[in-house]
Every structure is written in structure tokens, then in C-alpha cells.
Amino acid sequence: MGKDEWRGKNYSFFNHKSCEFFPCHETKHPEEFNCLFCYCPLYALGENCGGNFKYSENGIKDCSNCMVPHKKDNYGYIMSKFKELVELTKRQSEK
């Protein structure tokens, strides 16, 4: 698949306006809010996720100000990080 072949494809965007939590992050453009990655697959990458997060006082990653998985144009970015997720999973399973 080409780098931007996903653009304009239905599988790269899902907007669930009837969800009780929609939108789960404040946005000026709810029509472009992507719910496909409702729970961010990049959370496990910690500081390497590329999102706007902070750690709470007790060390919990707080992503409440992050829109990376919810921006319509970030599907390619999310998919590009799956190789890192696979490597992380391999390392953890070897322990």
C-alpha cells in the first residue's frame, strides 16, 4: 500500500456521533473527529507515542489533551507506529 493510499478511504475514518461520550475531547470540528482509535493504540509507546500528554503525580499517562488518534489526517501516522508496537510486544514477551 502506498504512503497515502488510505486517504479518502472509509476504513481510515469513523465518526460515532451517537456515542454517549462524543466527542471525548473538546474540538471545534466534531465532523472531523475520528473515533476509529477510540482507545489510542499508541498509549503503550509511552514518551514515543508522539502525542500531547503529561504524566500525573502518581506516574499515570494523561492523554486528555491529546488529539493525535482523533484527527482525520492522522490515520497514516498511527499505522506507521505499529512496527514499534510489535517490537515493544516482542521485547515484553521475551521477559
Protein backbone atom coordinates (compact mmCIF):
# COMPACT_ATOMS: atom_id res chain seq x y z
CA MET A 1 0.00 0.00 0.00
CA GLY A 2 1.28 3.44 -0.89
CA LYS A 3 2.08 6.00 1.77
CA ASP A 4 -1.16 7.98 1.42
CA GLU A 5 -3.34 5.37 -0.26
CA TRP A 6 -5.59 5.38 2.83
CA ARG A 7 -6.67 9.00 2.27
CA GLY A 8 -10.36 9.24 1.41
CA LYS A 9 -10.98 5.57 2.22
CA ASN A 10 -13.82 4.68 4.57
CA TYR A 11 -11.67 2.34 6.68
CA SER A 12 -9.48 5.25 7.78
CA PHE A 13 -12.24 7.30 9.40
CA PHE A 14 -15.20 6.61 11.67
CA ASN A 15 -17.31 9.28 13.37
CA HIS A 16 -19.63 7.92 16.06
CA LYS A 17 -21.86 10.90 16.76
CA SER A 18 -24.39 8.80 18.68
CA CYS A 19 -21.79 7.71 21.26
CA GLU A 20 -22.62 8.86 24.77
CA PHE A 21 -19.12 10.32 25.10
CA PHE A 22 -18.89 12.02 21.69
CA PRO A 23 -16.69 13.89 21.40
CA CYS A 24 -14.48 12.63 24.20
CA HIS A 25 -12.06 15.52 23.63
CA GLU A 26 -13.02 19.14 23.07
CA THR A 27 -12.92 20.05 19.40
CA LYS A 28 -14.04 22.87 17.12
CA HIS A 29 -14.57 20.36 14.28
CA PRO A 30 -16.71 17.46 15.54
CA GLU A 31 -17.48 16.40 11.96
CA GLU A 32 -13.79 15.55 11.51
CA PHE A 33 -13.39 13.80 14.88
CA ASN A 34 -12.11 10.28 14.19
CA CYS A 35 -13.43 7.67 16.62
CA LEU A 36 -11.64 4.79 14.86
CA PHE A 37 -8.92 4.75 17.52
CA CYS A 38 -11.23 5.36 20.46
CA TYR A 39 -8.62 3.89 22.77
CA CYS A 40 -5.27 5.03 21.46
CA PRO A 41 -3.12 2.13 20.26
CA LEU A 42 -0.03 4.29 20.86
CA TYR A 43 -0.55 4.62 24.62
CA ALA A 44 1.85 1.74 25.26
CA LEU A 45 4.67 3.56 23.49
CA GLY A 46 4.94 5.97 26.42
CA GLU A 47 7.00 9.02 25.50
CA ASN A 48 7.45 7.74 21.94
CA CYS A 49 3.76 7.99 21.03
CA GLY A 50 4.13 11.48 19.55
CA GLY A 51 1.08 12.87 21.31
CA ASN A 52 0.39 15.74 23.64
CA PHE A 53 0.36 14.04 27.04
CA LYS A 54 1.68 14.50 30.54
CA TYR A 55 2.29 12.20 33.47
CA SER A 56 0.26 12.64 36.62
CA GLU A 57 1.92 12.92 40.01
CA ASN A 58 1.48 9.18 40.51
CA GLY A 59 3.02 8.29 37.12
CA ILE A 60 -0.14 7.70 35.07
CA LYS A 61 -0.03 8.85 31.47
CA ASP A 62 -2.72 11.53 30.98
CA CYS A 63 -3.76 11.90 27.35
CA SER A 64 -6.83 14.05 27.95
CA ASN A 65 -5.34 16.94 25.93
CA CYS A 66 -4.18 14.77 23.04
CA MET A 67 -5.96 14.67 19.70
CA VAL A 68 -3.44 12.56 17.74
CA PRO A 69 -5.67 9.47 17.35
CA HIS A 70 -8.76 11.59 16.72
CA LYS A 71 -7.58 13.77 13.84
CA LYS A 72 -8.86 12.61 10.48
CA ASP A 73 -5.46 13.12 8.85
CA ASN A 74 -3.51 11.06 11.43
CA TYR A 75 -4.51 7.56 10.28
CA GLY A 76 -1.22 7.20 8.39
CA TYR A 77 0.79 8.32 11.41
CA ILE A 78 -0.96 5.83 13.71
CA MET A 79 -0.41 2.98 11.24
CA SER A 80 3.26 3.93 10.82
CA LYS A 81 3.82 3.35 14.56
CA PHE A 82 2.59 -0.26 14.56
CA LYS A 83 6.07 -1.61 13.84
CA GLU A 84 7.22 -0.01 17.13
CA LEU A 85 4.26 -1.59 18.93
CA VAL A 86 5.17 -5.01 17.54
CA GLU A 87 8.77 -4.59 18.71
CA LEU A 88 7.60 -3.49 22.16
CA THR A 89 5.34 -6.53 22.41
CA LYS A 90 8.20 -8.85 21.37
CA ARG A 91 10.51 -7.38 24.00
CA GLN A 92 7.89 -7.72 26.71
CA SER A 93 7.08 -11.33 25.79
CA GLU A 94 10.79 -12.25 25.97
CA LYS A 95 10.99 -11.20 29.61
